[in-house]
Amino acid sequence: MSETQGEVRVRSVRTQRSDNLMETAMEFGGGIVRAGLSVATLPLAILPSASREHLRNATKDVMYALAGLPGDLAKVADTVIEEWEAKGDSSAAAKTAPKDELTAS
């Protein structure tokens, strides 16, 4: 068994430093957002574990409600449109335009 000495395995790793202004601005903004979230969630870390769990579940329920809101609004709009369409079909549709009061006839 021959072992080669002096060989080092190298893997390609992207460096953090970039000369692109947009990437730098995005990294800076991301750092500020992460710092803000850390400060905002700091009081939550002080809460007892049961209270944290209740707060986490409540937040999850609110997020599910917000995610389901567009679908619920679409269902309501669908029924209202169907009722409106049925009401329009049952009444006699006007074949002529309404009288224009500004034009002389």
PDB file of N, CA and C in Angstrom:
ATOM      1  N   MET A   1       0.829  -1.161   0.000  1.00  0.00           N
ATOM      2  CA  MET A   1       0.000   0.000   0.000  1.00  0.00           C
ATOM      3  C   MET A   1       0.885   1.240   0.000  1.00  0.00           C
ATOM      4  N   SER A   2       0.775   2.020  -1.017  1.00  0.00           N
ATOM      5  CA  SER A   2       1.616   3.212  -1.063  1.00  0.00           C
ATOM      6  C   SER A   2       0.747   4.438  -0.822  1.00  0.00           C
ATOM      7  N   GLU A   3       1.192   5.242   0.076  1.00  0.00           N
ATOM      8  CA  GLU A   3       0.481   6.483   0.377  1.00  0.00           C
ATOM      9  C   GLU A   3       1.264   7.631  -0.223  1.00  0.00           C
ATOM     10  N   THR A   4       0.533   8.505  -0.884  1.00  0.00           N
ATOM     11  CA  THR A   4       1.201   9.675  -1.436  1.00  0.00           C
ATOM     12  C   THR A   4       1.182  10.768  -0.388  1.00  0.00           C
ATOM     13  N   GLN A   5       2.332  11.299  -0.135  1.00  0.00           N
ATOM     14  CA  GLN A   5       2.436  12.353   0.862  1.00  0.00           C
ATOM     15  C   GLN A   5       2.525  13.700   0.165  1.00  0.00           C
ATOM     16  N   GLY A   6       1.988  14.675   0.810  1.00  0.00           N
ATOM     17  CA  GLY A   6       2.069  16.022   0.281  1.00  0.00           C
ATOM     18  C   GLY A   6       0.874  16.412  -0.575  1.00  0.00           C
ATOM     19  N   GLU A   7      -0.053  15.481  -0.817  1.00  0.00           N
ATOM     20  CA  GLU A   7      -1.236  15.825  -1.601  1.00  0.00           C
ATOM     21  C   GLU A   7      -2.309  16.408  -0.696  1.00  0.00           C
ATOM     22  N   VAL A   8      -2.943  17.429  -1.170  1.00  0.00           N
ATOM     23  CA  VAL A   8      -4.004  18.084  -0.434  1.00  0.00           C
ATOM     24  C   VAL A   8      -5.229  18.139  -1.340  1.00  0.00           C
ATOM     25  N   ARG A   9      -6.335  17.643  -0.825  1.00  0.00           N
ATOM     26  CA  ARG A   9      -7.566  17.726  -1.601  1.00  0.00           C
ATOM     27  C   ARG A   9      -8.097  19.150  -1.528  1.00  0.00           C
ATOM     28  N   VAL A  10      -8.446  19.689  -2.658  1.00  0.00           N
ATOM     29  CA  VAL A  10      -8.939  21.055  -2.747  1.00  0.00           C
ATOM     30  C   VAL A  10     -10.334  21.017  -3.339  1.00  0.00           C
ATOM     31  N   ARG A  11     -11.223  21.733  -2.731  1.00  0.00           N
ATOM     32  CA  ARG A  11     -12.549  21.839  -3.314  1.00  0.00           C
ATOM     33  C   ARG A  11     -12.816  23.297  -3.647  1.00  0.00           C
ATOM     34  N   SER A  12     -13.662  23.486  -4.598  1.00  0.00           N
ATOM     35  CA  SER A  12     -13.971  24.830  -5.063  1.00  0.00           C
ATOM     36  C   SER A  12     -14.961  25.481  -4.110  1.00  0.00           C
ATOM     37  N   VAL A  13     -14.567  26.589  -3.527  1.00  0.00           N
ATOM     38  CA  VAL A  13     -15.421  27.330  -2.608  1.00  0.00           C
ATOM     39  C   VAL A  13     -15.513  28.761  -3.109  1.00  0.00           C
ATOM     40  N   ARG A  14     -16.741  29.261  -3.195  1.00  0.00           N
ATOM     41  CA  ARG A  14     -16.925  30.633  -3.643  1.00  0.00           C
ATOM     42  C   ARG A  14     -16.510  31.586  -2.535  1.00  0.00           C
ATOM     43  N   THR A  15     -15.761  32.565  -2.868  1.00  0.00           N
ATOM     44  CA  THR A  15     -15.314  33.533  -1.862  1.00  0.00           C
ATOM     45  C   THR A  15     -16.445  34.485  -1.530  1.00  0.00           C
ATOM     46  N   GLN A  16     -16.417  35.021  -0.340  1.00  0.00           N
ATOM     47  CA  GLN A  16     -17.443  35.945   0.102  1.00  0.00           C
ATOM     48  C   GLN A  16     -17.256  37.335  -0.495  1.00  0.00           C
ATOM     49  N   ARG A  17     -16.043  37.675  -0.804  1.00  0.00           N
ATOM     50  CA  ARG A  17     -15.761  39.009  -1.302  1.00  0.00           C
ATOM     51  C   ARG A  17     -16.182  39.127  -2.753  1.00  0.00           C
ATOM     52  N   SER A  18     -16.850  40.210  -3.077  1.00  0.00           N
ATOM     53  CA  SER A  18     -17.322  40.435  -4.430  1.00  0.00           C
ATOM     54  C   SER A  18     -17.141  41.906  -4.763  1.00  0.00           C
ATOM     55  N   ASP A  19     -16.886  42.158  -6.024  1.00  0.00           N
ATOM     56  CA  ASP A  19     -16.727  43.537  -6.464  1.00  0.00           C
ATOM     57  C   ASP A  19     -18.023  44.110  -7.027  1.00  0.00           C
ATOM     58  N   ASN A  20     -19.056  43.288  -7.068  1.00  0.00           N
ATOM     59  CA  ASN A  20     -20.330  43.732  -7.604  1.00  0.00           C
ATOM     60  C   ASN A  20     -21.053  44.575  -6.556  1.00  0.00           C
ATOM     61  N   LEU A  21     -21.418  45.779  -6.909  1.00  0.00           N
ATOM     62  CA  LEU A  21     -22.066  46.701  -5.985  1.00  0.00           C
ATOM     63  C   LEU A  21     -23.440  46.185  -5.556  1.00  0.00           C
ATOM     64  N   MET A  22     -24.167  45.583  -6.482  1.00  0.00           N
ATOM     65  CA  MET A  22     -25.498  45.082  -6.161  1.00  0.00           C
ATOM     66  C   MET A  22     -25.422  43.944  -5.140  1.00  0.00           C
ATOM     67  N   GLU A  23     -24.492  43.014  -5.312  1.00  0.00           N
ATOM     68  CA  GLU A  23     -24.333  41.917  -4.358  1.00  0.00           C
ATOM     69  C   GLU A  23     -23.936  42.442  -2.983  1.00  0.00           C
ATOM     70  N   THR A  24     -23.081  43.433  -2.967  1.00  0.00           N
ATOM     71  CA  THR A  24     -22.660  44.030  -1.702  1.00  0.00           C
ATOM     72  C   THR A  24     -23.844  44.679  -0.996  1.00  0.00           C
ATOM     73  N   ALA A  25     -24.668  45.399  -1.760  1.00  0.00           N
ATOM     74  CA  ALA A  25     -25.842  46.045  -1.185  1.00  0.00           C
ATOM     75  C   ALA A  25     -26.830  45.001  -0.669  1.00  0.00           C
ATOM     76  N   MET A  26     -26.995  43.892  -1.407  1.00  0.00           N
ATOM     77  CA  MET A  26     -27.911  42.832  -0.972  1.00  0.00           C
ATOM     78  C   MET A  26     -27.407  42.179   0.321  1.00  0.00           C
ATOM     79  N   GLU A  27     -26.107  41.939   0.407  1.00  0.00           N
ATOM     80  CA  GLU A  27     -25.542  41.345   1.618  1.00  0.00           C
ATOM     81  C   GLU A  27     -25.710  42.287   2.808  1.00  0.00           C
ATOM     82  N   PHE A  28     -25.499  43.581   2.571  1.00  0.00           N
ATOM     83  CA  PHE A  28     -25.652  44.568   3.631  1.00  0.00           C
ATOM     84  C   PHE A  28     -27.104  44.632   4.099  1.00  0.00           C
ATOM     85  N   GLY A  29     -28.040  44.672   3.145  1.00  0.00           N
ATOM     86  CA  GLY A  29     -29.460  44.700   3.489  1.00  0.00           C
ATOM     87  C   GLY A  29     -29.879  43.434   4.218  1.00  0.00           C
ATOM     88  N   GLY A  30     -29.369  42.288   3.781  1.00  0.00           N
ATOM     89  CA  GLY A  30     -29.683  41.035   4.453  1.00  0.00           C
ATOM     90  C   GLY A  30     -29.179  41.022   5.880  1.00  0.00           C
ATOM     91  N   GLY A  31     -27.994  41.588   6.093  1.00  0.00           N
ATOM     92  CA  GLY A  31     -27.456  41.678   7.450  1.00  0.00           C
ATOM     93  C   GLY A  31     -28.310  42.556   8.343  1.00  0.00           C
ATOM     94  N   ILE A  32     -28.799  43.648   7.796  1.00  0.00           N
ATOM     95  CA  ILE A  32     -29.651  44.545   8.579  1.00  0.00           C
ATOM     96  C   ILE A  32     -30.970  43.857   8.917  1.00  0.00           C
ATOM     97  N   VAL A  33     -31.530  43.116   7.953  1.00  0.00           N
ATOM     98  CA  VAL A  33     -32.793  42.403   8.211  1.00  0.00           C
ATOM     99  C   VAL A  33     -32.582  41.336   9.272  1.00  0.00           C
ATOM    100  N   ARG A  34     -31.487  40.590   9.182  1.00  0.00           N
ATOM    101  CA  ARG A  34     -31.214  39.556  10.192  1.00  0.00           C
ATOM    102  C   ARG A  34     -31.022  40.170  11.571  1.00  0.00           C
ATOM    103  N   ALA A  35     -30.336  41.305  11.638  1.00  0.00           N
ATOM    104  CA  ALA A  35     -30.142  41.971  12.929  1.00  0.00           C
ATOM    105  C   ALA A  35     -31.476  42.457  13.486  1.00  0.00           C
ATOM    106  N   GLY A  36     -32.324  43.008  12.623  1.00  0.00           N
ATOM    107  CA  GLY A  36     -33.637  43.472  13.067  1.00  0.00           C
ATOM    108  C   GLY A  36     -34.502  42.335  13.573  1.00  0.00           C
ATOM    109  N   LEU A  37     -34.473  41.203  12.879  1.00  0.00           N
ATOM    110  CA  LEU A  37     -35.246  40.043  13.330  1.00  0.00           C
ATOM    111  C   LEU A  37     -34.719  39.521  14.660  1.00  0.00           C
ATOM    112  N   SER A  38     -33.420  39.557  14.825  1.00  0.00           N
ATOM    113  CA  SER A  38     -32.843  39.097  16.093  1.00  0.00           C
ATOM    114  C   SER A  38     -33.295  39.984  17.247  1.00  0.00           C
ATOM    115  N   VAL A  39     -33.301  41.275  17.017  1.00  0.00           N
ATOM    116  CA  VAL A  39     -33.740  42.203  18.069  1.00  0.00           C
ATOM    117  C   VAL A  39     -35.241  42.037  18.330  1.00  0.00           C
ATOM    118  N   ALA A  40     -36.027  41.820  17.267  1.00  0.00           N
ATOM    119  CA  ALA A  40     -37.473  41.685  17.430  1.00  0.00           C
ATOM    120  C   ALA A  40     -37.844  40.384  18.137  1.00  0.00           C
ATOM    121  N   THR A  41     -37.075  39.323  17.918  1.00  0.00           N
ATOM    122  CA  THR A  41     -37.399  38.037  18.537  1.00  0.00           C
ATOM    123  C   THR A  41     -36.720  37.830  19.886  1.00  0.00           C
ATOM    124  N   LEU A  42     -35.917  38.768  20.312  1.00  0.00           N
ATOM    125  CA  LEU A  42     -35.248  38.641  21.604  1.00  0.00           C
ATOM    126  C   LEU A  42     -36.225  38.486  22.767  1.00  0.00           C
ATOM    127  N   PRO A  43     -37.305  39.273  22.847  1.00  0.00           N
ATOM    128  CA  PRO A  43     -38.251  39.066  23.954  1.00  0.00           C
ATOM    129  C   PRO A  43     -38.895  37.677  23.931  1.00  0.00           C
ATOM    130  N   LEU A  44     -39.023  37.081  22.752  1.00  0.00           N
ATOM    131  CA  LEU A  44     -39.611  35.747  22.670  1.00  0.00           C
ATOM    132  C   LEU A  44     -38.715  34.701  23.315  1.00  0.00           C
ATOM    133  N   ALA A  45     -37.412  34.915  23.275  1.00  0.00           N
ATOM    134  CA  ALA A  45     -36.483  33.964  23.880  1.00  0.00           C
ATOM    135  C   ALA A  45     -36.591  33.967  25.396  1.00  0.00           C
ATOM    136  N   ILE A  46     -37.078  35.057  25.958  1.00  0.00           N
ATOM    137  CA  ILE A  46     -37.193  35.179  27.408  1.00  0.00           C
ATOM    138  C   ILE A  46     -38.439  34.464  27.926  1.00  0.00           C
ATOM    139  N   LEU A  47     -39.453  34.292  27.052  1.00  0.00           N
ATOM    140  CA  LEU A  47     -40.703  33.657  27.477  1.00  0.00           C
ATOM    141  C   LEU A  47     -40.493  32.202  27.886  1.00  0.00           C
ATOM    142  N   PRO A  48     -41.361  31.693  28.740  1.00  0.00           N
ATOM    143  CA  PRO A  48     -41.302  30.259  29.062  1.00  0.00           C
ATOM    144  C   PRO A  48     -41.616  29.430  27.811  1.00  0.00           C
ATOM    145  N   SER A  49     -41.183  28.186  27.808  1.00  0.00           N
ATOM    146  CA  SER A  49     -41.319  27.361  26.605  1.00  0.00           C
ATOM    147  C   SER A  49     -42.781  27.133  26.219  1.00  0.00           C
ATOM    148  N   ALA A  50     -43.680  26.995  27.193  1.00  0.00           N
ATOM    149  CA  ALA A  50     -45.098  26.793  26.866  1.00  0.00           C
ATOM    150  C   ALA A  50     -45.672  28.021  26.161  1.00  0.00           C
ATOM    151  N   SER A  51     -45.321  29.201  26.637  1.00  0.00           N
ATOM    152  CA  SER A  51     -45.803  30.435  26.014  1.00  0.00           C
ATOM    153  C   SER A  51     -45.231  30.594  24.606  1.00  0.00           C
ATOM    154  N   ARG A  52     -43.962  30.244  24.435  1.00  0.00           N
ATOM    155  CA  ARG A  52     -43.357  30.296  23.100  1.00  0.00           C
ATOM    156  C   ARG A  52     -44.081  29.358  22.142  1.00  0.00           C
ATOM    157  N   GLU A  53     -44.429  28.176  22.626  1.00  0.00           N
ATOM    158  CA  GLU A  53     -45.129  27.192  21.784  1.00  0.00           C
ATOM    159  C   GLU A  53     -46.516  27.711  21.395  1.00  0.00           C
ATOM    160  N   HIS A  54     -47.240  28.329  22.348  1.00  0.00           N
ATOM    161  CA  HIS A  54     -48.556  28.893  22.045  1.00  0.00           C
ATOM    162  C   HIS A  54     -48.437  30.021  21.031  1.00  0.00           C
ATOM    163  N   LEU A  55     -47.430  30.870  21.191  1.00  0.00           N
ATOM    164  CA  LEU A  55     -47.221  31.974  20.265  1.00  0.00           C
ATOM    165  C   LEU A  55     -46.861  31.455  18.880  1.00  0.00           C
ATOM    166  N   ARG A  56     -46.032  30.429  18.822  1.00  0.00           N
ATOM    167  CA  ARG A  56     -45.639  29.828  17.541  1.00  0.00           C
ATOM    168  C   ARG A  56     -46.863  29.235  16.839  1.00  0.00           C
ATOM    169  N   ASN A  57     -47.720  28.538  17.591  1.00  0.00           N
ATOM    170  CA  ASN A  57     -48.929  27.952  17.000  1.00  0.00           C
ATOM    171  C   ASN A  57     -49.902  29.031  16.516  1.00  0.00           C
ATOM    172  N   ALA A  58     -50.032  30.104  17.292  1.00  0.00           N
ATOM    173  CA  ALA A  58     -50.914  31.198  16.890  1.00  0.00           C
ATOM    174  C   ALA A  58     -50.399  31.862  15.623  1.00  0.00           C
ATOM    175  N   THR A  59     -49.098  32.066  15.541  1.00  0.00           N
ATOM    176  CA  THR A  59     -48.505  32.656  14.346  1.00  0.00           C
ATOM    177  C   THR A  59     -48.727  31.756  13.138  1.00  0.00           C
ATOM    178  N   LYS A  60     -48.577  30.459  13.335  1.00  0.00           N
ATOM    179  CA  LYS A  60     -48.792  29.510  12.241  1.00  0.00           C
ATOM    180  C   LYS A  60     -50.240  29.561  11.761  1.00  0.00           C
ATOM    181  N   ASP A  61     -51.195  29.651  12.699  1.00  0.00           N
ATOM    182  CA  ASP A  61     -52.602  29.729  12.328  1.00  0.00           C
ATOM    183  C   ASP A  61     -52.900  31.009  11.544  1.00  0.00           C
ATOM    184  N   VAL A  62     -52.305  32.119  11.957  1.00  0.00           N
ATOM    185  CA  VAL A  62     -52.503  33.381  11.237  1.00  0.00           C
ATOM    186  C   VAL A  62     -51.931  33.276   9.822  1.00  0.00           C
ATOM    187  N   MET A  63     -50.774  32.658   9.686  1.00  0.00           N
ATOM    188  CA  MET A  63     -50.172  32.503   8.358  1.00  0.00           C
ATOM    189  C   MET A  63     -51.028  31.614   7.465  1.00  0.00           C
ATOM    190  N   TYR A  64     -51.587  30.535   8.021  1.00  0.00           N
ATOM    191  CA  TYR A  64     -52.477  29.667   7.238  1.00  0.00           C
ATOM    192  C   TYR A  64     -53.731  30.430   6.816  1.00  0.00           C
ATOM    193  N   ALA A  65     -54.253  31.261   7.714  1.00  0.00           N
ATOM    194  CA  ALA A  65     -55.449  32.041   7.390  1.00  0.00           C
ATOM    195  C   ALA A  65     -55.146  33.038   6.273  1.00  0.00           C
ATOM    196  N   LEU A  66     -54.017  33.702   6.348  1.00  0.00           N
ATOM    197  CA  LEU A  66     -53.646  34.656   5.300  1.00  0.00           C
ATOM    198  C   LEU A  66     -53.393  33.956   3.971  1.00  0.00           C
ATOM    199  N   ALA A  67     -52.818  32.767   4.018  1.00  0.00           N
ATOM    200  CA  ALA A  67     -52.556  32.030   2.788  1.00  0.00           C
ATOM    201  C   ALA A  67     -53.851  31.542   2.149  1.00  0.00           C
ATOM    202  N   GLY A  68     -54.860  31.218   2.954  1.00  0.00           N
ATOM    203  CA  GLY A  68     -56.121  30.730   2.427  1.00  0.00           C
ATOM    204  C   GLY A  68     -57.087  31.825   2.032  1.00  0.00           C
ATOM    205  N   LEU A  69     -56.802  33.062   2.393  1.00  0.00           N
ATOM    206  CA  LEU A  69     -57.707  34.176   2.121  1.00  0.00           C
ATOM    207  C   LEU A  69     -57.986  34.388   0.633  1.00  0.00           C
ATOM    208  N   PRO A  70     -56.999  34.380  -0.247  1.00  0.00           N
ATOM    209  CA  PRO A  70     -57.312  34.579  -1.674  1.00  0.00           C
ATOM    210  C   PRO A  70     -58.247  33.504  -2.226  1.00  0.00           C
ATOM    211  N   GLY A  71     -58.064  32.257  -1.820  1.00  0.00           N
ATOM    212  CA  GLY A  71     -58.948  31.190  -2.284  1.00  0.00           C
ATOM    213  C   GLY A  71     -60.375  31.391  -1.798  1.00  0.00           C
ATOM    214  N   ASP A  72     -60.542  31.792  -0.538  1.00  0.00           N
ATOM    215  CA  ASP A  72     -61.873  32.040   0.002  1.00  0.00           C
ATOM    216  C   ASP A  72     -62.544  33.219  -0.704  1.00  0.00           C
ATOM    217  N   LEU A  73     -61.784  34.271  -0.967  1.00  0.00           N
ATOM    218  CA  LEU A  73     -62.337  35.420  -1.689  1.00  0.00           C
ATOM    219  C   LEU A  73     -62.737  35.033  -3.110  1.00  0.00           C
ATOM    220  N   ALA A  74     -61.966  34.158  -3.741  1.00  0.00           N
ATOM    221  CA  ALA A  74     -62.297  33.706  -5.093  1.00  0.00           C
ATOM    222  C   ALA A  74     -63.588  32.899  -5.090  1.00  0.00           C
ATOM    223  N   LYS A  75     -63.806  32.067  -4.065  1.00  0.00           N
ATOM    224  CA  LYS A  75     -65.044  31.291  -3.973  1.00  0.00           C
ATOM    225  C   LYS A  75     -66.248  32.212  -3.801  1.00  0.00           C
ATOM    226  N   VAL A  76     -66.117  33.223  -2.939  1.00  0.00           N
ATOM    227  CA  VAL A  76     -67.210  34.168  -2.723  1.00  0.00           C
ATOM    228  C   VAL A  76     -67.495  34.937  -4.006  1.00  0.00           C
ATOM    229  N   ALA A  77     -66.452  35.393  -4.670  1.00  0.00           N
ATOM    230  CA  ALA A  77     -66.637  36.130  -5.921  1.00  0.00           C
ATOM    231  C   ALA A  77     -67.298  35.250  -6.975  1.00  0.00           C
ATOM    232  N   ASP A  78     -66.933  33.975  -7.015  1.00  0.00           N
ATOM    233  CA  ASP A  78     -67.521  33.049  -7.978  1.00  0.00           C
ATOM    234  C   ASP A  78     -69.024  32.913  -7.760  1.00  0.00           C
ATOM    235  N   THR A  79     -69.455  32.752  -6.515  1.00  0.00           N
ATOM    236  CA  THR A  79     -70.896  32.609  -6.246  1.00  0.00           C
ATOM    237  C   THR A  79     -71.643  33.898  -6.545  1.00  0.00           C
ATOM    238  N   VAL A  80     -71.050  35.050  -6.228  1.00  0.00           N
ATOM    239  CA  VAL A  80     -71.701  36.334  -6.502  1.00  0.00           C
ATOM    240  C   VAL A  80     -71.830  36.542  -8.002  1.00  0.00           C
ATOM    241  N   ILE A  81     -70.801  36.201  -8.760  1.00  0.00           N
ATOM    242  CA  ILE A  81     -70.848  36.366 -10.208  1.00  0.00           C
ATOM    243  C   ILE A  81     -71.893  35.437 -10.824  1.00  0.00           C
ATOM    244  N   GLU A  82     -71.977  34.201 -10.313  1.00  0.00           N
ATOM    245  CA  GLU A  82     -72.987  33.271 -10.823  1.00  0.00           C
ATOM    246  C   GLU A  82     -74.397  33.772 -10.526  1.00  0.00           C
ATOM    247  N   GLU A  83     -74.632  34.316  -9.332  1.00  0.00           N
ATOM    248  CA  GLU A  83     -75.943  34.880  -8.997  1.00  0.00           C
ATOM    249  C   GLU A  83     -76.268  36.069  -9.886  1.00  0.00           C
ATOM    250  N   TRP A  84     -75.291  36.914 -10.120  1.00  0.00           N
ATOM    251  CA  TRP A  84     -75.469  38.099 -10.961  1.00  0.00           C
ATOM    252  C   TRP A  84     -75.784  37.680 -12.385  1.00  0.00           C
ATOM    253  N   GLU A  85     -75.083  36.665 -12.866  1.00  0.00           N
ATOM    254  CA  GLU A  85     -75.299  36.176 -14.219  1.00  0.00           C
ATOM    255  C   GLU A  85     -76.689  35.550 -14.348  1.00  0.00           C
ATOM    256  N   ALA A  86     -77.125  34.794 -13.339  1.00  0.00           N
ATOM    257  CA  ALA A  86     -78.455  34.184 -13.371  1.00  0.00           C
ATOM    258  C   ALA A  86     -79.540  35.254 -13.329  1.00  0.00           C
ATOM    259  N   LYS A  87     -79.343  36.290 -12.564  1.00  0.00           N
ATOM    260  CA  LYS A  87     -80.314  37.376 -12.482  1.00  0.00           C
ATOM    261  C   LYS A  87     -80.405  38.105 -13.816  1.00  0.00           C
ATOM    262  N   GLY A  88     -79.288  38.271 -14.488  1.00  0.00           N
ATOM    263  CA  GLY A  88     -79.268  38.943 -15.787  1.00  0.00           C
ATOM    264  C   GLY A  88     -79.947  38.117 -16.858  1.00  0.00           C
ATOM    265  N   ASP A  89     -79.843  36.800 -16.788  1.00  0.00           N
ATOM    266  CA  ASP A  89     -80.472  35.934 -17.777  1.00  0.00           C
ATOM    267  C   ASP A  89     -81.984  35.920 -17.612  1.00  0.00           C
ATOM    268  N   SER A  90     -82.489  36.004 -16.397  1.00  0.00           N
ATOM    269  CA  SER A  90     -83.932  35.914 -16.160  1.00  0.00           C
ATOM    270  C   SER A  90     -84.651  37.194 -16.572  1.00  0.00           C
ATOM    271  N   SER A  91     -84.004  38.323 -16.479  1.00  0.00           N
ATOM    272  CA  SER A  91     -84.657  39.571 -16.861  1.00  0.00           C
ATOM    273  C   SER A  91     -84.442  39.815 -18.356  1.00  0.00           C
ATOM    274  N   ALA A  92     -85.338  40.549 -18.936  1.00  0.00           N
ATOM    275  CA  ALA A  92     -85.235  40.834 -20.370  1.00  0.00           C
ATOM    276  C   ALA A  92     -84.072  41.785 -20.594  1.00  0.00           C
ATOM    277  N   ALA A  93     -83.209  41.395 -21.491  1.00  0.00           N
ATOM    278  CA  ALA A  93     -82.051  42.228 -21.787  1.00  0.00           C
ATOM    279  C   ALA A  93     -82.457  43.336 -22.746  1.00  0.00           C
ATOM    280  N   ALA A  94     -81.970  44.512 -22.485  1.00  0.00           N
ATOM    281  CA  ALA A  94     -82.270  45.643 -23.353  1.00  0.00           C
ATOM    282  C   ALA A  94     -81.479  45.489 -24.645  1.00  0.00           C
ATOM    283  N   LYS A  95     -82.189  45.591 -25.769  1.00  0.00           N
ATOM    284  CA  LYS A  95     -81.535  45.430 -27.068  1.00  0.00           C
ATOM    285  C   LYS A  95     -81.028  46.759 -27.602  1.00  0.00           C
ATOM    286  N   THR A  96     -81.517  47.855 -27.055  1.00  0.00           N
ATOM    287  CA  THR A  96     -81.092  49.163 -27.521  1.00  0.00           C
ATOM    288  C   THR A  96     -80.399  49.895 -26.381  1.00  0.00           C
ATOM    289  N   ALA A  97     -79.619  50.854 -26.772  1.00  0.00           N
ATOM    290  CA  ALA A  97     -78.924  51.656 -25.784  1.00  0.00           C
ATOM    291  C   ALA A  97     -79.906  52.588 -25.102  1.00  0.00           C
ATOM    292  N   PRO A  98     -79.635  52.978 -23.872  1.00  0.00           N
ATOM    293  CA  PRO A  98     -80.546  53.921 -23.211  1.00  0.00           C
ATOM    294  C   PRO A  98     -80.554  55.272 -23.929  1.00  0.00           C
ATOM    295  N   LYS A  99     -81.631  55.997 -23.767  1.00  0.00           N
ATOM    296  CA  LYS A  99     -81.792  57.287 -24.442  1.00  0.00           C
ATOM    297  C   LYS A  99     -80.755  58.268 -23.903  1.00  0.00           C
ATOM    298  N   ASP A 100     -80.118  58.937 -24.823  1.00  0.00           N
ATOM    299  CA  ASP A 100     -79.129  59.940 -24.465  1.00  0.00           C
ATOM    300  C   ASP A 100     -79.841  61.277 -24.373  1.00  0.00           C
ATOM    301  N   GLU A 101     -79.835  61.889 -23.236  1.00  0.00           N
ATOM    302  CA  GLU A 101     -80.565  63.126 -23.030  1.00  0.00           C
ATOM    303  C   GLU A 101     -79.884  64.338 -23.625  1.00  0.00           C
ATOM    304  N   LEU A 102     -78.622  64.223 -23.992  1.00  0.00           N
ATOM    305  CA  LEU A 102     -77.918  65.383 -24.522  1.00  0.00           C
ATOM    306  C   LEU A 102     -78.106  65.546 -26.033  1.00  0.00           C
ATOM    307  N   THR A 103     -78.397  64.490 -26.726  1.00  0.00           N
ATOM    308  CA  THR A 103     -78.555  64.600 -28.170  1.00  0.00           C
ATOM    309  C   THR A 103     -80.006  64.901 -28.507  1.00  0.00           C
ATOM    310  N   ALA A 104     -80.182  65.654 -29.564  1.00  0.00           N
ATOM    311  CA  ALA A 104     -81.546  66.005 -30.008  1.00  0.00           C
ATOM    312  C   ALA A 104     -82.099  64.856 -30.830  1.00  0.00           C
ATOM    313  N   SER A 105     -83.339  64.509 -30.598  1.00  0.00           N
ATOM    314  CA  SER A 105     -83.912  63.429 -31.379  1.00  0.00           C
ATOM    315  C   SER A 105     -85.048  63.884 -32.246  1.00  0.00           C
TER     316      SER A 105
END
